[in-house]
């Protein structure tokens, strides 16, 4: 009887455990699916990281180039300012020379007039 009771108990346990085992199998399958999806997400994130690293490298390169352009612009600005100063000095010299030419021209005319007066005497 003891043996029969054990067999009955085992049969009842098997019947009761079948739905639980099926649910556990379903849960395991779902977990495997979730795990597979997570692996895909991780792979995509790795690709995104690689792309971001490339973007960062390009931005670093652009920053270096921008700094270089800023330096060149500053140097050009300085050269323009120096050129403007030189042009102003040249203009001032030309103005002084023009005044001197006018003065010399006036004196020359004056001397010619004096010479004419002297020669007409």
PDB file of N, CA and C in Angstrom:
ATOM      1  N   UNK A   1       0.822  -1.171   0.000  1.00  0.00           N
ATOM      2  CA  UNK A   1       0.000   0.000   0.000  1.00  0.00           C
ATOM      3  C   UNK A   1       0.878   1.249   0.000  1.00  0.00           C
ATOM      4  N   UNK A   2       1.881   1.137   0.705  1.00  0.00           N
ATOM      5  CA  UNK A   2       2.818   2.252   0.763  1.00  0.00           C
ATOM      6  C   UNK A   2       3.343   2.561  -0.633  1.00  0.00           C
ATOM      7  N   UNK A   3       3.617   1.537  -1.362  1.00  0.00           N
ATOM      8  CA  UNK A   3       4.137   1.685  -2.709  1.00  0.00           C
ATOM      9  C   UNK A   3       3.069   2.289  -3.626  1.00  0.00           C
ATOM     10  N   UNK A   4       1.856   1.867  -3.514  1.00  0.00           N
ATOM     11  CA  UNK A   4       0.747   2.394  -4.309  1.00  0.00           C
ATOM     12  C   UNK A   4       0.513   3.860  -4.002  1.00  0.00           C
ATOM     13  N   UNK A   5       0.602   4.183  -2.755  1.00  0.00           N
ATOM     14  CA  UNK A   5       0.407   5.575  -2.325  1.00  0.00           C
ATOM     15  C   UNK A   5       1.493   6.471  -2.927  1.00  0.00           C
ATOM     16  N   UNK A   6       2.693   5.943  -2.942  1.00  0.00           N
ATOM     17  CA  UNK A   6       3.788   6.695  -3.541  1.00  0.00           C
ATOM     18  C   UNK A   6       3.543   6.911  -5.041  1.00  0.00           C
ATOM     19  N   UNK A   7       3.081   5.898  -5.709  1.00  0.00           N
ATOM     20  CA  UNK A   7       2.824   5.983  -7.149  1.00  0.00           C
ATOM     21  C   UNK A   7       1.707   6.968  -7.435  1.00  0.00           C
ATOM     22  N   UNK A   8       0.679   6.924  -6.640  1.00  0.00           N
ATOM     23  CA  UNK A   8      -0.445   7.860  -6.803  1.00  0.00           C
ATOM     24  C   UNK A   8       0.055   9.287  -6.555  1.00  0.00           C
ATOM     25  N   UNK A   9       0.812   9.419  -5.514  1.00  0.00           N
ATOM     26  CA  UNK A   9       1.355  10.732  -5.160  1.00  0.00           C
ATOM     27  C   UNK A   9       2.237  11.263  -6.301  1.00  0.00           C
ATOM     28  N   UNK A  10       3.065  10.396  -6.878  1.00  0.00           N
ATOM     29  CA  UNK A  10       3.915  10.784  -7.997  1.00  0.00           C
ATOM     30  C   UNK A  10       3.070  11.190  -9.211  1.00  0.00           C
ATOM     31  N   UNK A  11       2.045  10.449  -9.492  1.00  0.00           N
ATOM     32  CA  UNK A  11       1.179  10.741 -10.636  1.00  0.00           C
ATOM     33  C   UNK A  11       0.495  12.093 -10.449  1.00  0.00           C
ATOM     34  N   UNK A  12       0.011  12.345  -9.234  1.00  0.00           N
ATOM     35  CA  UNK A  12      -0.655  13.626  -8.948  1.00  0.00           C
ATOM     36  C   UNK A  12       0.354  14.768  -9.072  1.00  0.00           C
ATOM     37  N   UNK A  13       1.528  14.545  -8.524  1.00  0.00           N
ATOM     38  CA  UNK A  13       2.571  15.570  -8.605  1.00  0.00           C
ATOM     39  C   UNK A  13       2.931  15.867 -10.059  1.00  0.00           C
ATOM     40  N   UNK A  14       3.055  14.819 -10.886  1.00  0.00           N
ATOM     41  CA  UNK A  14       3.383  15.005 -12.294  1.00  0.00           C
ATOM     42  C   UNK A  14       2.308  15.829 -12.985  1.00  0.00           C
ATOM     43  N   UNK A  15       1.053  15.499 -12.707  1.00  0.00           N
ATOM     44  CA  UNK A  15      -0.052  16.242 -13.321  1.00  0.00           C
ATOM     45  C   UNK A  15      -0.029  17.708 -12.906  1.00  0.00           C
ATOM     46  N   UNK A  16       0.259  17.947 -11.665  1.00  0.00           N
ATOM     47  CA  UNK A  16       0.281  19.319 -11.147  1.00  0.00           C
ATOM     48  C   UNK A  16       1.513  20.081 -11.653  1.00  0.00           C
ATOM     49  N   UNK A  17       2.604  19.378 -11.850  1.00  0.00           N
ATOM     50  CA  UNK A  17       3.839  20.033 -12.268  1.00  0.00           C
ATOM     51  C   UNK A  17       3.892  20.316 -13.773  1.00  0.00           C
ATOM     52  N   UNK A  18       3.127  19.603 -14.573  1.00  0.00           N
ATOM     53  CA  UNK A  18       3.157  19.787 -16.032  1.00  0.00           C
ATOM     54  C   UNK A  18       2.856  21.243 -16.422  1.00  0.00           C
ATOM     55  N   UNK A  19       1.771  21.869 -15.923  1.00  0.00           N
ATOM     56  CA  UNK A  19       1.519  23.264 -16.312  1.00  0.00           C
ATOM     57  C   UNK A  19       2.626  24.209 -15.815  1.00  0.00           C
ATOM     58  N   UNK A  20       3.163  23.911 -14.636  1.00  0.00           N
ATOM     59  CA  UNK A  20       4.233  24.755 -14.094  1.00  0.00           C
ATOM     60  C   UNK A  20       5.471  24.643 -14.971  1.00  0.00           C
ATOM     61  N   UNK A  21       5.801  23.424 -15.378  1.00  0.00           N
ATOM     62  CA  UNK A  21       6.963  23.202 -16.242  1.00  0.00           C
ATOM     63  C   UNK A  21       6.750  23.891 -17.589  1.00  0.00           C
ATOM     64  N   UNK A  22       5.516  23.800 -18.107  1.00  0.00           N
ATOM     65  CA  UNK A  22       5.220  24.468 -19.380  1.00  0.00           C
ATOM     66  C   UNK A  22       5.391  25.989 -19.248  1.00  0.00           C
ATOM     67  N   UNK A  23       4.903  26.529 -18.139  1.00  0.00           N
ATOM     68  CA  UNK A  23       5.037  27.976 -17.917  1.00  0.00           C
ATOM     69  C   UNK A  23       6.515  28.355 -17.789  1.00  0.00           C
ATOM     70  N   UNK A  24       7.273  27.528 -17.085  1.00  0.00           N
ATOM     71  CA  UNK A  24       8.704  27.804 -16.950  1.00  0.00           C
ATOM     72  C   UNK A  24       9.398  27.745 -18.309  1.00  0.00           C
ATOM     73  N   UNK A  25       8.993  26.777 -19.143  1.00  0.00           N
ATOM     74  CA  UNK A  25       9.555  26.689 -20.496  1.00  0.00           C
ATOM     75  C   UNK A  25       9.218  27.945 -21.305  1.00  0.00           C
ATOM     76  N   UNK A  26       7.967  28.398 -21.174  1.00  0.00           N
ATOM     77  CA  UNK A  26       7.553  29.629 -21.872  1.00  0.00           C
ATOM     78  C   UNK A  26       8.360  30.830 -21.381  1.00  0.00           C
ATOM     79  N   UNK A  27       8.526  30.904 -20.067  1.00  0.00           N
ATOM     80  CA  UNK A  27       9.303  32.004 -19.489  1.00  0.00           C
ATOM     81  C   UNK A  27      10.741  31.943 -19.981  1.00  0.00           C
ATOM     82  N   UNK A  28      11.308  30.753 -20.021  1.00  0.00           N
ATOM     83  CA  UNK A  28      12.681  30.588 -20.494  1.00  0.00           C
ATOM     84  C   UNK A  28      12.807  31.016 -21.956  1.00  0.00           C
ATOM     85  N   UNK A  29      11.822  30.639 -22.770  1.00  0.00           N
ATOM     86  CA  UNK A  29      11.826  31.032 -24.182  1.00  0.00           C
ATOM     87  C   UNK A  29      11.750  32.549 -24.314  1.00  0.00           C
ATOM     88  N   UNK A  30      10.872  33.145 -23.532  1.00  0.00           N
ATOM     89  CA  UNK A  30      10.729  34.606 -23.572  1.00  0.00           C
ATOM     90  C   UNK A  30      12.015  35.293 -23.108  1.00  0.00           C
ATOM     91  N   UNK A  31      12.632  34.741 -22.082  1.00  0.00           N
ATOM     92  CA  UNK A  31      13.893  35.313 -21.604  1.00  0.00           C
ATOM     93  C   UNK A  31      14.988  35.204 -22.665  1.00  0.00           C
ATOM     94  N   UNK A  32      15.002  34.080 -23.373  1.00  0.00           N
ATOM     95  CA  UNK A  32      15.978  33.919 -24.453  1.00  0.00           C
ATOM     96  C   UNK A  32      15.735  34.955 -25.552  1.00  0.00           C
ATOM     97  N   UNK A  33      14.440  35.193 -25.855  1.00  0.00           N
ATOM     98  CA  UNK A  33      14.103  36.217 -26.856  1.00  0.00           C
ATOM     99  C   UNK A  33      14.542  37.605 -26.385  1.00  0.00           C
ATOM    100  N   UNK A  34      14.284  37.887 -25.111  1.00  0.00           N
ATOM    101  CA  UNK A  34      14.690  39.178 -24.549  1.00  0.00           C
ATOM    102  C   UNK A  34      16.208  39.306 -24.600  1.00  0.00           C
ATOM    103  N   UNK A  35      16.888  38.238 -24.261  1.00  0.00           N
ATOM    104  CA  UNK A  35      18.351  38.248 -24.283  1.00  0.00           C
ATOM    105  C   UNK A  35      18.870  38.496 -25.702  1.00  0.00           C
ATOM    106  N   UNK A  36      18.246  37.857 -26.684  1.00  0.00           N
ATOM    107  CA  UNK A  36      18.655  38.050 -28.080  1.00  0.00           C
ATOM    108  C   UNK A  36      18.424  39.503 -28.498  1.00  0.00           C
ATOM    109  N   UNK A  37      17.297  40.059 -28.095  1.00  0.00           N
ATOM    110  CA  UNK A  37      17.006  41.462 -28.427  1.00  0.00           C
ATOM    111  C   UNK A  37      18.005  42.395 -27.746  1.00  0.00           C
ATOM    112  N   UNK A  38      18.346  42.088 -26.507  1.00  0.00           N
ATOM    113  CA  UNK A  38      19.326  42.906 -25.793  1.00  0.00           C
ATOM    114  C   UNK A  38      20.691  42.850 -26.478  1.00  0.00           C
ATOM    115  N   UNK A  39      21.053  41.678 -26.975  1.00  0.00           N
ATOM    116  CA  UNK A  39      22.323  41.555 -27.693  1.00  0.00           C
ATOM    117  C   UNK A  39      22.315  42.420 -28.952  1.00  0.00           C
ATOM    118  N   UNK A  40      21.150  42.434 -29.651  1.00  0.00           N
ATOM    119  CA  UNK A  40      21.035  43.290 -30.832  1.00  0.00           C
ATOM    120  C   UNK A  40      21.153  44.763 -30.442  1.00  0.00           C
ATOM    121  N   UNK A  41      20.496  45.129 -29.345  1.00  0.00           N
ATOM    122  CA  UNK A  41      20.564  46.515 -28.874  1.00  0.00           C
ATOM    123  C   UNK A  41      22.007  46.873 -28.509  1.00  0.00           C
ATOM    124  N   UNK A  42      22.696  45.963 -27.836  1.00  0.00           N
ATOM    125  CA  UNK A  42      24.097  46.202 -27.480  1.00  0.00           C
ATOM    126  C   UNK A  42      24.953  46.390 -28.731  1.00  0.00           C
ATOM    127  N   UNK A  43      24.704  45.567 -29.741  1.00  0.00           N
ATOM    128  CA  UNK A  43      25.467  45.684 -30.990  1.00  0.00           C
ATOM    129  C   UNK A  43      25.204  47.045 -31.636  1.00  0.00           C
ATOM    130  N   UNK A  44      23.942  47.459 -31.630  1.00  0.00           N
ATOM    131  CA  UNK A  44      23.606  48.768 -32.207  1.00  0.00           C
ATOM    132  C   UNK A  44      24.258  49.888 -31.402  1.00  0.00           C
ATOM    133  N   UNK A  45      24.256  49.747 -30.087  1.00  0.00           N
ATOM    134  CA  UNK A  45      24.890  50.768 -29.245  1.00  0.00           C
ATOM    135  C   UNK A  45      26.390  50.838 -29.510  1.00  0.00           C
ATOM    136  N   UNK A  46      27.002  49.684 -29.729  1.00  0.00           N
ATOM    137  CA  UNK A  46      28.429  49.678 -30.058  1.00  0.00           C
ATOM    138  C   UNK A  46      28.672  50.419 -31.373  1.00  0.00           C
ATOM    139  N   UNK A  47      27.776  50.184 -32.357  1.00  0.00           N
ATOM    140  CA  UNK A  47      27.893  50.903 -33.630  1.00  0.00           C
ATOM    141  C   UNK A  47      27.730  52.405 -33.413  1.00  0.00           C
ATOM    142  N   UNK A  48      26.781  52.770 -32.570  1.00  0.00           N
ATOM    143  CA  UNK A  48      26.567  54.189 -32.270  1.00  0.00           C
ATOM    144  C   UNK A  48      27.811  54.771 -31.599  1.00  0.00           C
ATOM    145  N   UNK A  49      28.400  54.025 -30.682  1.00  0.00           N
ATOM    146  CA  UNK A  49      29.623  54.488 -30.013  1.00  0.00           C
ATOM    147  C   UNK A  49      30.748  54.710 -31.020  1.00  0.00           C
ATOM    148  N   UNK A  50      30.895  53.778 -31.950  1.00  0.00           N
ATOM    149  CA  UNK A  50      31.936  53.909 -32.974  1.00  0.00           C
ATOM    150  C   UNK A  50      31.680  55.165 -33.802  1.00  0.00           C
ATOM    151  N   UNK A  51      30.423  55.360 -34.185  1.00  0.00           N
ATOM    152  CA  UNK A  51      30.085  56.547 -34.980  1.00  0.00           C
ATOM    153  C   UNK A  51      30.321  57.816 -34.174  1.00  0.00           C
ATOM    154  N   UNK A  52      29.969  57.805 -32.912  1.00  0.00           N
ATOM    155  CA  UNK A  52      30.194  58.982 -32.068  1.00  0.00           C
ATOM    156  C   UNK A  52      31.685  59.270 -31.918  1.00  0.00           C
ATOM    157  N   UNK A  53      32.480  58.213 -31.802  1.00  0.00           N
ATOM    158  CA  UNK A  53      33.932  58.409 -31.728  1.00  0.00           C
ATOM    159  C   UNK A  53      34.445  59.083 -33.003  1.00  0.00           C
ATOM    160  N   UNK A  54      33.912  58.641 -34.154  1.00  0.00           N
ATOM    161  CA  UNK A  54      34.310  59.251 -35.421  1.00  0.00           C
ATOM    162  C   UNK A  54      33.882  60.714 -35.464  1.00  0.00           C
ATOM    163  N   UNK A  55      32.669  60.987 -35.006  1.00  0.00           N
ATOM    164  CA  UNK A  55      32.175  62.372 -34.987  1.00  0.00           C
ATOM    165  C   UNK A  55      33.044  63.224 -34.067  1.00  0.00           C
ATOM    166  N   UNK A  56      33.392  62.683 -32.911  1.00  0.00           N
ATOM    167  CA  UNK A  56      34.261  63.415 -31.979  1.00  0.00           C
ATOM    168  C   UNK A  56      35.613  63.713 -32.622  1.00  0.00           C
ATOM    169  N   UNK A  57      36.153  62.732 -33.323  1.00  0.00           N
ATOM    170  CA  UNK A  57      37.448  62.935 -33.985  1.00  0.00           C
ATOM    171  C   UNK A  57      37.333  64.033 -35.045  1.00  0.00           C
ATOM    172  N   UNK A  58      36.227  64.008 -35.797  1.00  0.00           N
ATOM    173  CA  UNK A  58      36.027  65.044 -36.814  1.00  0.00           C
ATOM    174  C   UNK A  58      35.861  66.409 -36.161  1.00  0.00           C
ATOM    175  N   UNK A  59      35.135  66.463 -35.059  1.00  0.00           N
ATOM    176  CA  UNK A  59      34.956  67.735 -34.354  1.00  0.00           C
ATOM    177  C   UNK A  59      36.285  68.252 -33.821  1.00  0.00           C
ATOM    178  N   UNK A  60      37.103  67.343 -33.302  1.00  0.00           N
ATOM    179  CA  UNK A  60      38.434  67.751 -32.834  1.00  0.00           C
ATOM    180  C   UNK A  60      39.249  68.331 -33.989  1.00  0.00           C
ATOM    181  N   UNK A  61      39.176  67.663 -35.133  1.00  0.00           N
ATOM    182  CA  UNK A  61      39.892  68.134 -36.320  1.00  0.00           C
ATOM    183  C   UNK A  61      39.373  69.508 -36.746  1.00  0.00           C
ATOM    184  N   UNK A  62      38.049  69.658 -36.742  1.00  0.00           N
ATOM    185  CA  UNK A  62      37.458  70.951 -37.108  1.00  0.00           C
ATOM    186  C   UNK A  62      37.862  72.040 -36.121  1.00  0.00           C
ATOM    187  N   UNK A  63      37.937  71.681 -34.860  1.00  0.00           N
ATOM    188  CA  UNK A  63      38.335  72.654 -33.839  1.00  0.00           C
ATOM    189  C   UNK A  63      39.771  73.128 -34.082  1.00  0.00           C
ATOM    190  N   UNK A  64      40.644  72.193 -34.419  1.00  0.00           N
ATOM    191  CA  UNK A  64      42.038  72.550 -34.709  1.00  0.00           C
ATOM    192  C   UNK A  64      42.085  73.464 -35.937  1.00  0.00           C
ATOM    193  N   UNK A  65      41.321  73.099 -36.962  1.00  0.00           N
ATOM    194  CA  UNK A  65      41.302  73.917 -38.177  1.00  0.00           C
ATOM    195  C   UNK A  65      40.715  75.292 -37.892  1.00  0.00           C
ATOM    196  N   UNK A  66      39.685  75.340 -37.078  1.00  0.00           N
ATOM    197  CA  UNK A  66      39.057  76.617 -36.727  1.00  0.00           C
ATOM    198  C   UNK A  66      40.043  77.500 -35.976  1.00  0.00           C
ATOM    199  N   UNK A  67      40.783  76.900 -35.048  1.00  0.00           N
ATOM    200  CA  UNK A  67      41.804  77.660 -34.322  1.00  0.00           C
ATOM    201  C   UNK A  67      42.842  78.222 -35.291  1.00  0.00           C
ATOM    202  N   UNK A  68      43.217  77.409 -36.276  1.00  0.00           N
ATOM    203  CA  UNK A  68      44.191  77.844 -37.276  1.00  0.00           C
ATOM    204  C   UNK A  68      43.632  79.009 -38.096  1.00  0.00           C
ATOM    205  N   UNK A  69      42.363  78.906 -38.477  1.00  0.00           N
ATOM    206  CA  UNK A  69      41.726  79.980 -39.246  1.00  0.00           C
ATOM    207  C   UNK A  69      41.651  81.255 -38.409  1.00  0.00           C
ATOM    208  N   UNK A  70      41.323  81.108 -37.134  1.00  0.00           N
ATOM    209  CA  UNK A  70      41.271  82.277 -36.251  1.00  0.00           C
ATOM    210  C   UNK A  70      42.640  82.952 -36.164  1.00  0.00           C
ATOM    211  N   UNK A  71      43.681  82.150 -36.047  1.00  0.00           N
ATOM    212  CA  UNK A  71      45.038  82.695 -35.977  1.00  0.00           C
ATOM    213  C   UNK A  71      45.386  83.427 -37.270  1.00  0.00           C
ATOM    214  N   UNK A  72      45.079  82.790 -38.401  1.00  0.00           N
ATOM    215  CA  UNK A  72      45.354  83.419 -39.693  1.00  0.00           C
ATOM    216  C   UNK A  72      44.570  84.719 -39.837  1.00  0.00           C
ATOM    217  N   UNK A  73      43.322  84.713 -39.396  1.00  0.00           N
ATOM    218  CA  UNK A  73      42.497  85.917 -39.476  1.00  0.00           C
ATOM    219  C   UNK A  73      43.108  87.033 -38.628  1.00  0.00           C
ATOM    220  N   UNK A  74      43.567  86.680 -37.458  1.00  0.00           N
ATOM    221  CA  UNK A  74      44.199  87.663 -36.582  1.00  0.00           C
ATOM    222  C   UNK A  74      45.455  88.234 -37.237  1.00  0.00           C
ATOM    223  N   UNK A  75      46.250  87.360 -37.847  1.00  0.00           N
ATOM    224  CA  UNK A  75      47.466  87.808 -38.522  1.00  0.00           C
ATOM    225  C   UNK A  75      47.134  88.708 -39.713  1.00  0.00           C
ATOM    226  N   UNK A  76      46.081  88.337 -40.458  1.00  0.00           N
ATOM    227  CA  UNK A  76      45.665  89.157 -41.596  1.00  0.00           C
ATOM    228  C   UNK A  76      45.169  90.522 -41.119  1.00  0.00           C
ATOM    229  N   UNK A  77      44.439  90.530 -40.036  1.00  0.00           N
ATOM    230  CA  UNK A  77      43.943  91.785 -39.474  1.00  0.00           C
ATOM    231  C   UNK A  77      45.118  92.690 -39.105  1.00  0.00           C
ATOM    232  N   UNK A  78      46.129  92.096 -38.475  1.00  0.00           N
ATOM    233  CA  UNK A  78      47.321  92.852 -38.096  1.00  0.00           C
ATOM    234  C   UNK A  78      48.024  93.397 -39.338  1.00  0.00           C
ATOM    235  N   UNK A  79      48.139  92.570 -40.368  1.00  0.00           N
ATOM    236  CA  UNK A  79      48.796  93.002 -41.607  1.00  0.00           C
ATOM    237  C   UNK A  79      48.008  94.136 -42.263  1.00  0.00           C
ATOM    238  N   UNK A  80      46.692  94.045 -42.238  1.00  0.00           N
ATOM    239  CA  UNK A  80      45.853  95.102 -42.818  1.00  0.00           C
ATOM    240  C   UNK A  80      46.043  96.403 -42.051  1.00  0.00           C
ATOM    241  N   UNK A  81      46.075  96.310 -40.731  1.00  0.00           N
ATOM    242  CA  UNK A  81      46.277  97.510 -39.918  1.00  0.00           C
ATOM    243  C   UNK A  81      47.636  98.141 -40.218  1.00  0.00           C
ATOM    244  N   UNK A  82      48.669  97.312 -40.340  1.00  0.00           N
ATOM    245  CA  UNK A  82      50.001  97.822 -40.654  1.00  0.00           C
ATOM    246  C   UNK A  82      50.023  98.458 -42.044  1.00  0.00           C
ATOM    247  N   UNK A  83      49.334  97.826 -42.996  1.00  0.00           N
ATOM    248  CA  UNK A  83      49.254  98.368 -44.353  1.00  0.00           C
ATOM    249  C   UNK A  83      48.526  99.708 -44.346  1.00  0.00           C
ATOM    250  N   UNK A  84      47.438  99.793 -43.583  1.00  0.00           N
ATOM    251  CA  UNK A  84      46.698 101.059 -43.480  1.00  0.00           C
ATOM    252  C   UNK A  84      47.581 102.163 -42.916  1.00  0.00           C
ATOM    253  N   UNK A  85      48.372 101.835 -41.911  1.00  0.00           N
ATOM    254  CA  UNK A  85      49.284 102.825 -41.331  1.00  0.00           C
ATOM    255  C   UNK A  85      50.316 103.274 -42.363  1.00  0.00           C
ATOM    256  N   UNK A  86      50.835 102.316 -43.130  1.00  0.00           N
ATOM    257  CA  UNK A  86      51.823 102.650 -44.163  1.00  0.00           C
ATOM    258  C   UNK A  86      51.189 103.543 -45.227  1.00  0.00           C
ATOM    259  N   UNK A  87      49.962 103.235 -45.623  1.00  0.00           N
ATOM    260  CA  UNK A  87      49.256 104.041 -46.627  1.00  0.00           C
ATOM    261  C   UNK A  87      49.042 105.454 -46.096  1.00  0.00           C
ATOM    262  N   UNK A  88      48.672 105.574 -44.828  1.00  0.00           N
ATOM    263  CA  UNK A  88      48.476 106.903 -44.228  1.00  0.00           C
ATOM    264  C   UNK A  88      49.778 107.698 -44.245  1.00  0.00           C
ATOM    265  N   UNK A  89      50.898 107.030 -43.932  1.00  0.00           N
ATOM    266  CA  UNK A  89      52.198 107.713 -43.960  1.00  0.00           C
ATOM    267  C   UNK A  89      52.540 108.161 -45.380  1.00  0.00           C
ATOM    268  N   UNK A  90      52.281 107.287 -46.343  1.00  0.00           N
ATOM    269  CA  UNK A  90      52.557 107.623 -47.746  1.00  0.00           C
ATOM    270  C   UNK A  90      51.693 108.806 -48.177  1.00  0.00           C
ATOM    271  N   UNK A  91      50.401 108.773 -47.805  1.00  0.00           N
ATOM    272  CA  UNK A  91      49.505 109.877 -48.161  1.00  0.00           C
ATOM    273  C   UNK A  91      49.993 111.187 -47.545  1.00  0.00           C
ATOM    274  N   UNK A  92      50.433 111.121 -46.291  1.00  0.00           N
ATOM    275  CA  UNK A  92      50.939 112.321 -45.616  1.00  0.00           C
ATOM    276  C   UNK A  92      52.180 112.844 -46.336  1.00  0.00           C
ATOM    277  N   UNK A  93      53.090 111.923 -46.694  1.00  0.00           N
ATOM    278  CA  UNK A  93      54.300 112.319 -47.430  1.00  0.00           C
ATOM    279  C   UNK A  93      53.938 112.935 -48.778  1.00  0.00           C
ATOM    280  N   UNK A  94      52.975 112.335 -49.479  1.00  0.00           N
ATOM    281  CA  UNK A  94      52.554 112.870 -50.770  1.00  0.00           C
ATOM    282  C   UNK A  94      51.970 114.275 -50.606  1.00  0.00           C
ATOM    283  N   UNK A  95      51.192 114.454 -49.548  1.00  0.00           N
ATOM    284  CA  UNK A  95      50.602 115.760 -49.282  1.00  0.00           C
ATOM    285  C   UNK A  95      51.700 116.799 -49.039  1.00  0.00           C
ATOM    286  N   UNK A  96      52.688 116.418 -48.232  1.00  0.00           N
ATOM    287  CA  UNK A  96      53.804 117.330 -47.955  1.00  0.00           C
ATOM    288  C   UNK A  96      54.582 117.630 -49.234  1.00  0.00           C
ATOM    289  N   UNK A  97      54.798 116.588 -50.043  1.00  0.00           N
ATOM    290  CA  UNK A  97      55.517 116.782 -51.300  1.00  0.00           C
ATOM    291  C   UNK A  97      54.721 117.676 -52.254  1.00  0.00           C
ATOM    292  N   UNK A  98      53.399 117.492 -52.262  1.00  0.00           N
ATOM    293  CA  UNK A  98      52.545 118.327 -53.106  1.00  0.00           C
ATOM    294  C   UNK A  98      52.643 119.788 -52.677  1.00  0.00           C
ATOM    295  N   UNK A  99      52.621 120.015 -51.368  1.00  0.00           N
ATOM    296  CA  UNK A  99      52.751 121.386 -50.861  1.00  0.00           C
ATOM    297  C   UNK A  99      54.117 121.966 -51.242  1.00  0.00           C
ATOM    298  N   UNK A 100      55.152 121.147 -51.138  1.00  0.00           N
ATOM    299  CA  UNK A 100      56.497 121.590 -51.499  1.00  0.00           C
ATOM    300  C   UNK A 100      56.576 121.906 -52.993  1.00  0.00           C
ATOM    301  N   UNK A 101      55.975 121.049 -53.822  1.00  0.00           N
ATOM    302  CA  UNK A 101      55.960 121.277 -55.274  1.00  0.00           C
ATOM    303  C   UNK A 101      55.233 122.581 -55.586  1.00  0.00           C
ATOM    304  N   UNK A 102      54.105 122.804 -54.902  1.00  0.00           N
ATOM    305  CA  UNK A 102      53.352 124.038 -55.124  1.00  0.00           C
ATOM    306  C   UNK A 102      54.182 125.256 -54.714  1.00  0.00           C
ATOM    307  N   UNK A 103      54.872 125.139 -53.581  1.00  0.00           N
ATOM    308  CA  UNK A 103      55.719 126.238 -53.118  1.00  0.00           C
ATOM    309  C   UNK A 103      56.854 126.510 -54.109  1.00  0.00           C
ATOM    310  N   UNK A 104      57.499 125.413 -54.561  1.00  0.00           N
ATOM    311  CA  UNK A 104      58.590 125.562 -55.526  1.00  0.00           C
ATOM    312  C   UNK A 104      58.073 126.132 -56.847  1.00  0.00           C
ATOM    313  N   UNK A 105      56.909 125.710 -57.243  1.00  0.00           N
ATOM    314  CA  UNK A 105      56.303 126.224 -58.469  1.00  0.00           C
ATOM    315  C   UNK A 105      56.033 127.716 -58.331  1.00  0.00           C
ATOM    316  N   UNK A 106      55.500 128.100 -57.193  1.00  0.00           N
ATOM    317  CA  UNK A 106      55.224 129.520 -56.925  1.00  0.00           C
ATOM    318  C   UNK A 106      56.518 130.322 -56.973  1.00  0.00           C
ATOM    319  N   UNK A 107      57.557 129.801 -56.345  1.00  0.00           N
ATOM    320  CA  UNK A 107      58.859 130.486 -56.321  1.00  0.00           C
ATOM    321  C   UNK A 107      59.443 130.582 -57.735  1.00  0.00           C
ATOM    322  N   UNK A 108      59.289 129.499 -58.483  1.00  0.00           N
ATOM    323  CA  UNK A 108      59.805 129.487 -59.849  1.00  0.00           C
ATOM    324  C   UNK A 108      59.112 130.553 -60.686  1.00  0.00           C
ATOM    325  N   UNK A 109      57.806 130.645 -60.560  1.00  0.00           N
ATOM    326  CA  UNK A 109      57.044 131.656 -61.299  1.00  0.00           C
ATOM    327  C   UNK A 109      57.484 133.044 -60.858  1.00  0.00           C
ATOM    328  N   UNK A 110      57.653 133.197 -59.562  1.00  0.00           N
ATOM    329  CA  UNK A 110      58.085 134.481 -58.995  1.00  0.00           C
ATOM    330  C   UNK A 110      59.465 134.870 -59.542  1.00  0.00           C
ATOM    331  N   UNK A 111      60.373 133.893 -59.599  1.00  0.00           N
ATOM    332  CA  UNK A 111      61.729 134.172 -60.090  1.00  0.00           C
ATOM    333  C   UNK A 111      61.708 134.485 -61.584  1.00  0.00           C
ATOM    334  N   UNK A 112      60.863 133.797 -62.327  1.00  0.00           N
ATOM    335  CA  UNK A 112      60.743 134.085 -63.759  1.00  0.00           C
ATOM    336  C   UNK A 112      60.249 135.513 -63.969  1.00  0.00           C
ATOM    337  N   UNK A 113      59.291 135.889 -63.128  1.00  0.00           N
ATOM    338  CA  UNK A 113      58.759 137.260 -63.238  1.00  0.00           C
ATOM    339  C   UNK A 113      59.856 138.269 -62.922  1.00  0.00           C
ATOM    340  N   UNK A 114      60.651 137.999 -61.904  1.00  0.00           N
ATOM    341  CA  UNK A 114      61.762 138.895 -61.535  1.00  0.00           C
ATOM    342  C   UNK A 114      62.772 138.972 -62.673  1.00  0.00           C
ATOM    343  N   UNK A 115      63.076 137.799 -63.270  1.00  0.00           N
ATOM    344  CA  UNK A 115      64.026 137.773 -64.378  1.00  0.00           C
ATOM    345  C   UNK A 115      63.508 138.593 -65.563  1.00  0.00           C
ATOM    346  N   UNK A 116      62.245 138.524 -65.833  1.00  0.00           N
ATOM    347  CA  UNK A 116      61.660 139.288 -66.930  1.00  0.00           C
ATOM    348  C   UNK A 116      61.757 140.778 -66.641  1.00  0.00           C
ATOM    349  N   UNK A 117      61.508 141.126 -65.391  1.00  0.00           N
ATOM    350  CA  UNK A 117      61.605 142.539 -65.014  1.00  0.00           C
ATOM    351  C   UNK A 117      63.046 143.019 -65.149  1.00  0.00           C
ATOM    352  N   UNK A 118      63.965 142.182 -64.688  1.00  0.00           N
ATOM    353  CA  UNK A 118      65.380 142.557 -64.738  1.00  0.00           C
ATOM    354  C   UNK A 118      65.825 142.633 -66.207  1.00  0.00           C
ATOM    355  N   UNK A 119      65.427 141.706 -67.016  1.00  0.00           N
ATOM    356  CA  UNK A 119      65.861 141.692 -68.405  1.00  0.00           C
ATOM    357  C   UNK A 119      65.185 142.805 -69.218  1.00  0.00           C
ATOM    358  N   UNK A 120      64.068 143.262 -68.783  1.00  0.00           N
ATOM    359  CA  UNK A 120      63.390 144.346 -69.496  1.00  0.00           C
ATOM    360  C   UNK A 120      63.951 145.697 -69.093  1.00  0.00           C
ATOM    361  N   UNK A 121      64.740 145.792 -68.101  1.00  0.00           N
ATOM    362  CA  UNK A 121      65.362 147.048 -67.668  1.00  0.00           C
ATOM    363  C   UNK A 121      66.540 147.346 -68.468  1.00  0.00           C
TER     364      UNK A 121
END
